[in-house]
């Protein structure tokens, strides 16, 4: 009759066991982290770049709107072939180009920014020639600040 040393699990009638619950949870957690890392690495740069252009334009429009109210001068934003420009803005000029040369405006590219504290509802739609299926609307209802929103 075979015997085994104390604490040894080499008994001939014992079967091999599977993984413990803790080991399975650790493997699933590692797979979840790896999957999320790959998902972030494969993010669509075209949509991100156009959204960044929209948010930048919204910030510039709000800056021009504030300067217009402070100075009492009427300011108009207009898109052109080289980018865009602010007309009637006193003081230091704001940037007048897109971050990406492929960016442009679809439809009317003209906004009135003040000097009244409440302006009419206005919007501009920006698109990218590099990603023709994407568009971002930069809009205000006249009371709230300009905001960028991706269009479907």
N, C-alpha and C. Protein backbone atom coordinates (compact mmCIF):
# COMPACT_ATOMS: atom_id res chain seq x y z
N UNK A 1 0.81 -1.17 0.00
CA UNK A 1 0.00 0.00 0.00
C UNK A 1 0.87 1.25 0.00
N UNK A 2 0.72 2.11 -1.04
CA UNK A 2 1.58 3.28 -1.11
C UNK A 2 1.20 4.32 -0.07
N UNK A 3 2.19 4.98 0.43
CA UNK A 3 1.97 6.06 1.39
C UNK A 3 2.62 7.32 0.86
N UNK A 4 2.20 8.43 1.38
CA UNK A 4 2.80 9.69 0.94
C UNK A 4 3.27 10.44 2.17
N UNK A 5 4.17 11.31 1.93
CA UNK A 5 4.70 12.12 3.02
C UNK A 5 3.63 13.10 3.48
N UNK A 6 3.76 13.57 4.68
CA UNK A 6 2.78 14.50 5.24
C UNK A 6 2.76 15.78 4.40
N UNK A 7 1.55 16.26 4.04
CA UNK A 7 1.40 17.48 3.26
C UNK A 7 1.53 17.28 1.77
N UNK A 8 1.81 16.10 1.30
CA UNK A 8 1.95 15.84 -0.13
C UNK A 8 0.58 15.54 -0.72
N UNK A 9 0.35 16.03 -1.92
CA UNK A 9 -0.92 15.80 -2.60
C UNK A 9 -0.79 14.79 -3.72
N UNK A 10 0.16 13.95 -3.66
CA UNK A 10 0.38 13.00 -4.75
C UNK A 10 -0.34 11.69 -4.52
N UNK A 11 -1.53 11.77 -4.04
CA UNK A 11 -2.32 10.57 -3.80
C UNK A 11 -2.87 10.08 -5.14
N UNK A 12 -2.81 8.82 -5.45
CA UNK A 12 -3.20 8.33 -6.76
C UNK A 12 -4.68 8.51 -7.07
N UNK A 13 -5.53 8.69 -6.10
CA UNK A 13 -6.95 8.84 -6.39
C UNK A 13 -7.38 10.29 -6.59
N UNK A 14 -6.50 11.29 -6.39
CA UNK A 14 -6.86 12.70 -6.57
C UNK A 14 -6.80 13.06 -8.04
N UNK A 15 -7.79 13.82 -8.52
CA UNK A 15 -7.84 14.25 -9.92
C UNK A 15 -7.28 15.66 -10.04
N UNK A 16 -6.85 16.03 -11.24
CA UNK A 16 -6.35 17.38 -11.48
C UNK A 16 -7.50 18.38 -11.37
N UNK A 17 -7.25 19.51 -10.75
CA UNK A 17 -8.28 20.52 -10.57
C UNK A 17 -8.09 21.66 -11.54
N UNK A 18 -9.16 22.45 -11.78
CA UNK A 18 -9.12 23.59 -12.68
C UNK A 18 -8.58 24.83 -11.98
N UNK A 19 -8.81 25.97 -12.62
CA UNK A 19 -8.36 27.23 -12.06
C UNK A 19 -9.27 27.66 -10.91
N UNK A 20 -8.70 28.42 -10.01
CA UNK A 20 -9.52 28.94 -8.91
C UNK A 20 -10.26 30.19 -9.42
N UNK A 21 -11.26 30.60 -8.68
CA UNK A 21 -12.05 31.77 -9.04
C UNK A 21 -11.17 33.02 -9.07
N UNK A 22 -10.27 33.14 -8.15
CA UNK A 22 -9.37 34.30 -8.11
C UNK A 22 -8.49 34.36 -9.36
N UNK A 23 -7.96 33.24 -9.79
CA UNK A 23 -7.14 33.21 -11.00
C UNK A 23 -7.94 33.62 -12.22
N UNK A 24 -9.18 33.17 -12.33
CA UNK A 24 -10.03 33.55 -13.46
C UNK A 24 -10.34 35.04 -13.44
N UNK A 25 -10.62 35.61 -12.28
CA UNK A 25 -10.90 37.04 -12.17
C UNK A 25 -9.69 37.88 -12.56
N UNK A 26 -8.51 37.45 -12.18
CA UNK A 26 -7.29 38.18 -12.55
C UNK A 26 -7.11 38.16 -14.07
N UNK A 27 -7.32 37.05 -14.71
CA UNK A 27 -7.18 36.95 -16.16
C UNK A 27 -8.21 37.83 -16.86
N UNK A 28 -9.46 37.83 -16.39
CA UNK A 28 -10.49 38.67 -16.99
C UNK A 28 -10.16 40.15 -16.83
N UNK A 29 -9.64 40.54 -15.68
CA UNK A 29 -9.26 41.94 -15.45
C UNK A 29 -8.13 42.37 -16.39
N UNK A 30 -7.16 41.50 -16.58
CA UNK A 30 -6.05 41.81 -17.51
C UNK A 30 -6.57 41.95 -18.93
N UNK A 31 -7.49 41.08 -19.34
CA UNK A 31 -8.05 41.17 -20.69
C UNK A 31 -8.86 42.46 -20.86
N UNK A 32 -9.59 42.87 -19.84
CA UNK A 32 -10.38 44.11 -19.92
C UNK A 32 -9.47 45.32 -20.06
N UNK A 33 -8.38 45.36 -19.32
CA UNK A 33 -7.42 46.47 -19.44
C UNK A 33 -6.78 46.51 -20.82
N UNK A 34 -6.41 45.37 -21.33
CA UNK A 34 -5.80 45.31 -22.66
C UNK A 34 -6.79 45.75 -23.74
N UNK A 35 -8.04 45.34 -23.63
CA UNK A 35 -9.06 45.73 -24.61
C UNK A 35 -9.31 47.22 -24.58
N UNK A 36 -9.40 47.82 -23.39
CA UNK A 36 -9.62 49.26 -23.32
C UNK A 36 -8.42 50.03 -23.86
N UNK A 37 -7.22 49.54 -23.63
CA UNK A 37 -6.03 50.19 -24.18
C UNK A 37 -6.02 50.17 -25.69
N UNK A 38 -6.39 49.06 -26.28
CA UNK A 38 -6.46 48.97 -27.75
C UNK A 38 -7.56 49.88 -28.28
N UNK A 39 -8.68 49.94 -27.59
CA UNK A 39 -9.78 50.82 -28.02
C UNK A 39 -9.38 52.28 -28.04
N UNK A 40 -8.62 52.72 -27.06
CA UNK A 40 -8.16 54.11 -27.04
C UNK A 40 -7.09 54.35 -28.11
N UNK A 41 -6.28 53.37 -28.36
CA UNK A 41 -5.23 53.53 -29.36
C UNK A 41 -5.80 53.61 -30.78
N UNK A 42 -6.94 52.99 -31.02
CA UNK A 42 -7.53 52.96 -32.36
C UNK A 42 -8.59 54.04 -32.54
N UNK A 43 -8.61 55.06 -31.72
CA UNK A 43 -9.61 56.12 -31.80
C UNK A 43 -9.52 56.84 -33.14
N UNK A 44 -10.66 57.22 -33.68
CA UNK A 44 -10.73 57.88 -34.98
C UNK A 44 -10.16 59.29 -34.89
N UNK A 45 -9.04 59.53 -35.53
CA UNK A 45 -8.40 60.84 -35.44
C UNK A 45 -9.12 61.90 -36.27
N UNK A 46 -9.85 61.50 -37.32
CA UNK A 46 -10.58 62.47 -38.13
C UNK A 46 -11.69 63.14 -37.36
N UNK A 47 -12.46 62.35 -36.64
CA UNK A 47 -13.54 62.91 -35.84
C UNK A 47 -12.98 63.75 -34.69
N UNK A 48 -11.91 63.30 -34.11
CA UNK A 48 -11.29 64.03 -33.01
C UNK A 48 -10.75 65.37 -33.48
N UNK A 49 -10.07 65.38 -34.62
CA UNK A 49 -9.50 66.63 -35.13
C UNK A 49 -10.59 67.64 -35.48
N UNK A 50 -11.67 67.19 -36.09
CA UNK A 50 -12.75 68.10 -36.46
C UNK A 50 -13.47 68.62 -35.22
N UNK A 51 -13.65 67.77 -34.21
CA UNK A 51 -14.27 68.22 -32.96
C UNK A 51 -13.37 69.26 -32.28
N UNK A 52 -12.07 69.05 -32.32
CA UNK A 52 -11.13 70.02 -31.74
C UNK A 52 -11.20 71.36 -32.47
N UNK A 53 -11.35 71.31 -33.80
CA UNK A 53 -11.53 72.55 -34.58
C UNK A 53 -12.80 73.28 -34.15
N UNK A 54 -13.88 72.51 -33.95
CA UNK A 54 -15.15 73.11 -33.53
C UNK A 54 -15.06 73.75 -32.15
N UNK A 55 -14.42 73.08 -31.22
CA UNK A 55 -14.28 73.62 -29.88
C UNK A 55 -13.39 74.86 -29.88
N UNK A 56 -12.35 74.85 -30.69
CA UNK A 56 -11.47 76.02 -30.81
C UNK A 56 -12.23 77.20 -31.39
N UNK A 57 -13.03 76.95 -32.44
CA UNK A 57 -13.80 78.02 -33.06
C UNK A 57 -14.82 78.57 -32.06
N UNK A 58 -15.47 77.71 -31.29
CA UNK A 58 -16.43 78.17 -30.29
C UNK A 58 -15.75 79.08 -29.27
N UNK A 59 -14.56 78.73 -28.83
CA UNK A 59 -13.82 79.57 -27.88
C UNK A 59 -13.44 80.91 -28.50
N UNK A 60 -13.00 80.90 -29.76
CA UNK A 60 -12.65 82.15 -30.44
C UNK A 60 -13.86 83.04 -30.63
N UNK A 61 -15.00 82.45 -30.98
CA UNK A 61 -16.22 83.23 -31.15
C UNK A 61 -16.66 83.85 -29.84
N UNK A 62 -16.55 83.12 -28.75
CA UNK A 62 -16.92 83.67 -27.45
C UNK A 62 -15.96 84.79 -27.03
N UNK A 63 -14.70 84.64 -27.34
CA UNK A 63 -13.73 85.69 -27.04
C UNK A 63 -14.05 86.96 -27.83
N UNK A 64 -14.34 86.81 -29.11
CA UNK A 64 -14.69 87.96 -29.93
C UNK A 64 -16.00 88.59 -29.47
N UNK A 65 -16.93 87.76 -29.07
CA UNK A 65 -18.21 88.27 -28.58
C UNK A 65 -18.02 89.09 -27.31
N UNK A 66 -17.16 88.63 -26.40
CA UNK A 66 -16.87 89.38 -25.17
C UNK A 66 -16.16 90.70 -25.48
N UNK A 67 -15.22 90.67 -26.42
CA UNK A 67 -14.52 91.90 -26.80
C UNK A 67 -15.48 92.88 -27.46
N UNK A 68 -16.41 92.37 -28.23
CA UNK A 68 -17.40 93.22 -28.88
C UNK A 68 -18.29 93.91 -27.84
N UNK A 69 -18.73 93.18 -26.85
CA UNK A 69 -19.56 93.78 -25.80
C UNK A 69 -18.78 94.80 -24.99
N UNK A 70 -17.51 94.50 -24.71
CA UNK A 70 -16.70 95.40 -23.90
C UNK A 70 -16.40 96.71 -24.63
N UNK A 71 -16.17 96.62 -25.94
CA UNK A 71 -15.81 97.82 -26.70
C UNK A 71 -17.01 98.53 -27.31
N UNK A 72 -18.12 97.84 -27.45
CA UNK A 72 -19.30 98.43 -28.08
C UNK A 72 -19.24 98.41 -29.60
N UNK A 73 -18.26 97.70 -30.15
CA UNK A 73 -18.11 97.64 -31.61
C UNK A 73 -18.78 96.39 -32.16
N UNK A 74 -19.43 96.52 -33.30
CA UNK A 74 -20.04 95.37 -33.96
C UNK A 74 -18.94 94.52 -34.58
N UNK A 75 -19.02 93.23 -34.35
CA UNK A 75 -18.00 92.30 -34.87
C UNK A 75 -18.69 91.25 -35.71
N UNK A 76 -18.08 90.98 -36.87
CA UNK A 76 -18.59 89.94 -37.76
C UNK A 76 -17.50 88.92 -37.99
N UNK A 77 -17.88 87.64 -37.93
CA UNK A 77 -16.97 86.54 -38.26
C UNK A 77 -17.35 86.05 -39.64
N UNK A 78 -16.33 85.87 -40.48
CA UNK A 78 -16.59 85.44 -41.85
C UNK A 78 -15.55 84.41 -42.27
N UNK A 79 -16.04 83.32 -42.84
CA UNK A 79 -15.14 82.29 -43.39
C UNK A 79 -14.72 82.70 -44.79
N UNK A 80 -13.47 82.40 -45.14
CA UNK A 80 -12.98 82.66 -46.49
C UNK A 80 -12.12 81.49 -46.95
N UNK A 81 -11.53 81.62 -48.11
CA UNK A 81 -10.77 80.51 -48.70
C UNK A 81 -9.52 80.16 -47.89
N UNK A 82 -8.92 81.13 -47.22
CA UNK A 82 -7.70 80.89 -46.45
C UNK A 82 -7.99 80.44 -45.02
N UNK A 83 -9.21 80.62 -44.54
CA UNK A 83 -9.55 80.27 -43.16
C UNK A 83 -10.79 81.04 -42.73
N UNK A 84 -10.58 82.04 -41.90
CA UNK A 84 -11.67 82.90 -41.44
C UNK A 84 -11.08 84.20 -40.92
N UNK A 85 -11.95 85.17 -40.67
CA UNK A 85 -11.46 86.44 -40.13
C UNK A 85 -12.55 87.10 -39.29
N UNK A 86 -12.10 87.91 -38.36
CA UNK A 86 -12.99 88.71 -37.53
C UNK A 86 -12.90 90.15 -38.01
N UNK A 87 -14.04 90.70 -38.40
CA UNK A 87 -14.07 92.07 -38.91
C UNK A 87 -14.67 92.98 -37.84
N UNK A 88 -14.01 94.14 -37.62
CA UNK A 88 -14.50 95.11 -36.66
C UNK A 88 -14.02 94.87 -35.24
N UNK A 89 -13.13 93.94 -35.06
CA UNK A 89 -12.64 93.61 -33.72
C UNK A 89 -11.52 94.56 -33.33
N UNK A 90 -11.71 95.34 -32.26
CA UNK A 90 -10.65 96.26 -31.84
C UNK A 90 -9.57 95.50 -31.07
N UNK A 91 -8.40 96.08 -31.01
CA UNK A 91 -7.33 95.51 -30.19
C UNK A 91 -6.58 94.39 -30.89
N UNK A 92 -6.09 93.46 -30.10
CA UNK A 92 -5.27 92.36 -30.59
C UNK A 92 -6.08 91.43 -31.48
N UNK A 93 -5.59 91.16 -32.68
CA UNK A 93 -6.36 90.28 -33.58
C UNK A 93 -6.35 88.84 -33.08
N UNK A 94 -7.46 88.16 -33.30
CA UNK A 94 -7.57 86.74 -32.96
C UNK A 94 -7.03 85.90 -34.12
N UNK A 95 -6.72 84.62 -33.89
CA UNK A 95 -6.25 83.77 -34.99
C UNK A 95 -7.25 83.75 -36.14
N UNK A 96 -6.72 83.56 -37.34
CA UNK A 96 -7.57 83.60 -38.53
C UNK A 96 -7.32 82.42 -39.46
N UNK A 97 -6.94 81.29 -38.90
CA UNK A 97 -6.70 80.10 -39.71
C UNK A 97 -7.17 78.86 -38.97
N UNK A 98 -7.45 77.82 -39.71
CA UNK A 98 -7.82 76.53 -39.13
C UNK A 98 -6.55 75.81 -38.72
N UNK A 99 -6.67 74.89 -37.79
CA UNK A 99 -5.52 74.07 -37.40
C UNK A 99 -5.14 73.10 -38.51
N UNK A 100 -6.14 72.63 -39.25
CA UNK A 100 -5.92 71.71 -40.37
C UNK A 100 -6.34 72.42 -41.65
N UNK A 101 -5.49 72.41 -42.66
CA UNK A 101 -5.79 73.09 -43.92
C UNK A 101 -6.97 72.50 -44.66
N UNK A 102 -7.35 71.27 -44.34
CA UNK A 102 -8.47 70.62 -45.02
C UNK A 102 -9.82 71.04 -44.44
N UNK A 103 -9.83 71.85 -43.40
CA UNK A 103 -11.07 72.27 -42.75
C UNK A 103 -11.68 73.44 -43.50
N UNK A 104 -13.00 73.44 -43.59
CA UNK A 104 -13.73 74.52 -44.23
C UNK A 104 -15.13 74.62 -43.67
N UNK A 105 -15.93 75.50 -44.27
CA UNK A 105 -17.29 75.75 -43.81
C UNK A 105 -18.26 75.28 -44.87
N UNK A 106 -19.34 74.61 -44.42
CA UNK A 106 -20.42 74.22 -45.32
C UNK A 106 -21.57 75.19 -45.12
N UNK A 107 -22.07 75.72 -46.19
CA UNK A 107 -23.18 76.67 -46.10
C UNK A 107 -22.68 78.08 -45.81
N UNK A 108 -23.57 78.92 -45.30
CA UNK A 108 -23.18 80.30 -45.04
C UNK A 108 -22.13 80.38 -43.94
N UNK A 109 -21.12 81.16 -44.19
CA UNK A 109 -20.02 81.29 -43.25
C UNK A 109 -19.92 82.70 -42.71
N UNK A 110 -21.00 83.18 -42.09
CA UNK A 110 -20.98 84.53 -41.55
C UNK A 110 -21.80 84.57 -40.26
N UNK A 111 -21.22 85.17 -39.22
CA UNK A 111 -21.88 85.31 -37.93
C UNK A 111 -21.71 86.74 -37.43
N UNK A 112 -22.75 87.28 -36.79
CA UNK A 112 -22.69 88.59 -36.14
C UNK A 112 -22.57 88.36 -34.64
N UNK A 113 -21.58 88.99 -34.00
CA UNK A 113 -21.25 88.67 -32.61
C UNK A 113 -21.56 89.77 -31.61
N UNK A 114 -22.14 90.85 -31.98
CA UNK A 114 -22.46 91.83 -30.96
C UNK A 114 -22.48 93.23 -31.51
N UNK A 115 -22.56 94.19 -30.67
CA UNK A 115 -22.19 94.31 -29.26
C UNK A 115 -23.33 94.05 -28.28
N UNK A 116 -24.53 93.75 -28.74
CA UNK A 116 -25.65 93.51 -27.85
C UNK A 116 -25.38 92.27 -26.99
N UNK A 117 -25.84 92.26 -25.74
CA UNK A 117 -25.61 91.08 -24.90
C UNK A 117 -26.39 89.85 -25.37
N UNK A 118 -27.54 90.08 -26.01
CA UNK A 118 -28.33 88.97 -26.55
C UNK A 118 -28.32 89.10 -28.06
N UNK A 119 -27.81 88.06 -28.71
CA UNK A 119 -27.78 88.05 -30.17
C UNK A 119 -28.75 86.98 -30.66
N UNK A 120 -29.05 86.99 -31.93
CA UNK A 120 -29.93 85.97 -32.50
C UNK A 120 -29.26 84.61 -32.54
N UNK A 121 -30.08 83.59 -32.68
CA UNK A 121 -29.55 82.23 -32.82
C UNK A 121 -28.74 82.14 -34.11
N UNK A 122 -27.54 81.60 -34.01
CA UNK A 122 -26.64 81.51 -35.16
C UNK A 122 -25.88 80.19 -35.11
N UNK A 123 -25.47 79.75 -36.28
CA UNK A 123 -24.68 78.53 -36.35
C UNK A 123 -23.81 78.54 -37.59
N UNK A 124 -22.76 77.75 -37.52
CA UNK A 124 -21.90 77.50 -38.66
C UNK A 124 -21.53 76.02 -38.61
N UNK A 125 -21.48 75.38 -39.77
CA UNK A 125 -21.13 73.96 -39.85
C UNK A 125 -19.75 73.85 -40.48
N UNK A 126 -18.83 73.21 -39.78
CA UNK A 126 -17.49 73.03 -40.32
C UNK A 126 -17.31 71.58 -40.73
N UNK A 127 -16.59 71.40 -41.82
CA UNK A 127 -16.34 70.07 -42.39
C UNK A 127 -14.86 69.95 -42.72
N UNK A 128 -14.45 68.73 -42.98
CA UNK A 128 -13.08 68.47 -43.37
C UNK A 128 -13.06 67.75 -44.71
N UNK A 129 -12.24 68.21 -45.62
CA UNK A 129 -12.10 67.55 -46.91
C UNK A 129 -11.46 66.17 -46.75
N UNK A 130 -10.65 66.00 -45.72
CA UNK A 130 -10.01 64.71 -45.48
C UNK A 130 -10.99 63.67 -44.96
N UNK A 131 -12.08 64.12 -44.33
CA UNK A 131 -13.10 63.22 -43.78
C UNK A 131 -14.47 63.76 -44.19
N UNK A 132 -14.89 63.52 -45.43
CA UNK A 132 -16.11 64.16 -45.95
C UNK A 132 -17.40 63.74 -45.26
N UNK A 133 -17.44 62.64 -44.58
CA UNK A 133 -18.66 62.21 -43.92
C UNK A 133 -18.87 62.82 -42.54
N UNK A 134 -17.96 63.63 -42.10
CA UNK A 134 -18.03 64.20 -40.75
C UNK A 134 -18.32 65.69 -40.81
N UNK A 135 -19.04 66.19 -39.81
CA UNK A 135 -19.33 67.61 -39.71
C UNK A 135 -19.54 67.97 -38.25
N UNK A 136 -19.23 69.21 -37.90
CA UNK A 136 -19.42 69.72 -36.54
C UNK A 136 -20.14 71.05 -36.64
N UNK A 137 -21.21 71.18 -35.86
CA UNK A 137 -21.95 72.44 -35.82
C UNK A 137 -21.50 73.24 -34.62
N UNK A 138 -21.16 74.52 -34.86
CA UNK A 138 -20.83 75.45 -33.79
C UNK A 138 -21.98 76.43 -33.74
N UNK A 139 -22.72 76.43 -32.62
CA UNK A 139 -23.96 77.20 -32.58
C UNK A 139 -24.21 77.82 -31.22
N UNK A 140 -25.08 78.85 -31.23
CA UNK A 140 -25.60 79.47 -30.02
C UNK A 140 -27.06 79.80 -30.25
N UNK A 141 -27.80 79.84 -29.15
CA UNK A 141 -29.19 80.27 -29.26
C UNK A 141 -29.32 81.77 -29.01
N UNK A 142 -28.21 82.45 -28.80
CA UNK A 142 -28.19 83.89 -28.55
C UNK A 142 -27.98 84.23 -27.10
N UNK A 143 -28.36 83.33 -26.20
CA UNK A 143 -28.16 83.55 -24.77
C UNK A 143 -26.95 82.78 -24.25
N UNK A 144 -26.89 81.52 -24.61
CA UNK A 144 -25.80 80.67 -24.15
C UNK A 144 -24.57 80.85 -25.03
N UNK A 145 -23.42 80.41 -24.53
CA UNK A 145 -22.20 80.51 -25.34
C UNK A 145 -22.23 79.58 -26.55
N UNK A 146 -21.36 79.85 -27.50
CA UNK A 146 -21.21 78.97 -28.65
C UNK A 146 -20.71 77.62 -28.16
N UNK A 147 -21.20 76.56 -28.77
CA UNK A 147 -20.80 75.20 -28.41
C UNK A 147 -20.65 74.37 -29.68
N UNK A 148 -19.71 73.44 -29.65
CA UNK A 148 -19.47 72.54 -30.79
C UNK A 148 -20.20 71.23 -30.55
N UNK A 149 -20.89 70.76 -31.60
CA UNK A 149 -21.63 69.51 -31.52
C UNK A 149 -21.41 68.73 -32.80
N UNK A 150 -21.01 67.47 -32.68
CA UNK A 150 -20.81 66.61 -33.85
C UNK A 150 -22.15 66.29 -34.48
N UNK A 151 -22.20 66.34 -35.80
CA UNK A 151 -23.43 66.01 -36.53
C UNK A 151 -23.34 64.56 -37.01
N UNK A 152 -24.47 63.87 -37.05
CA UNK A 152 -24.45 62.48 -37.51
C UNK A 152 -24.18 62.38 -38.99
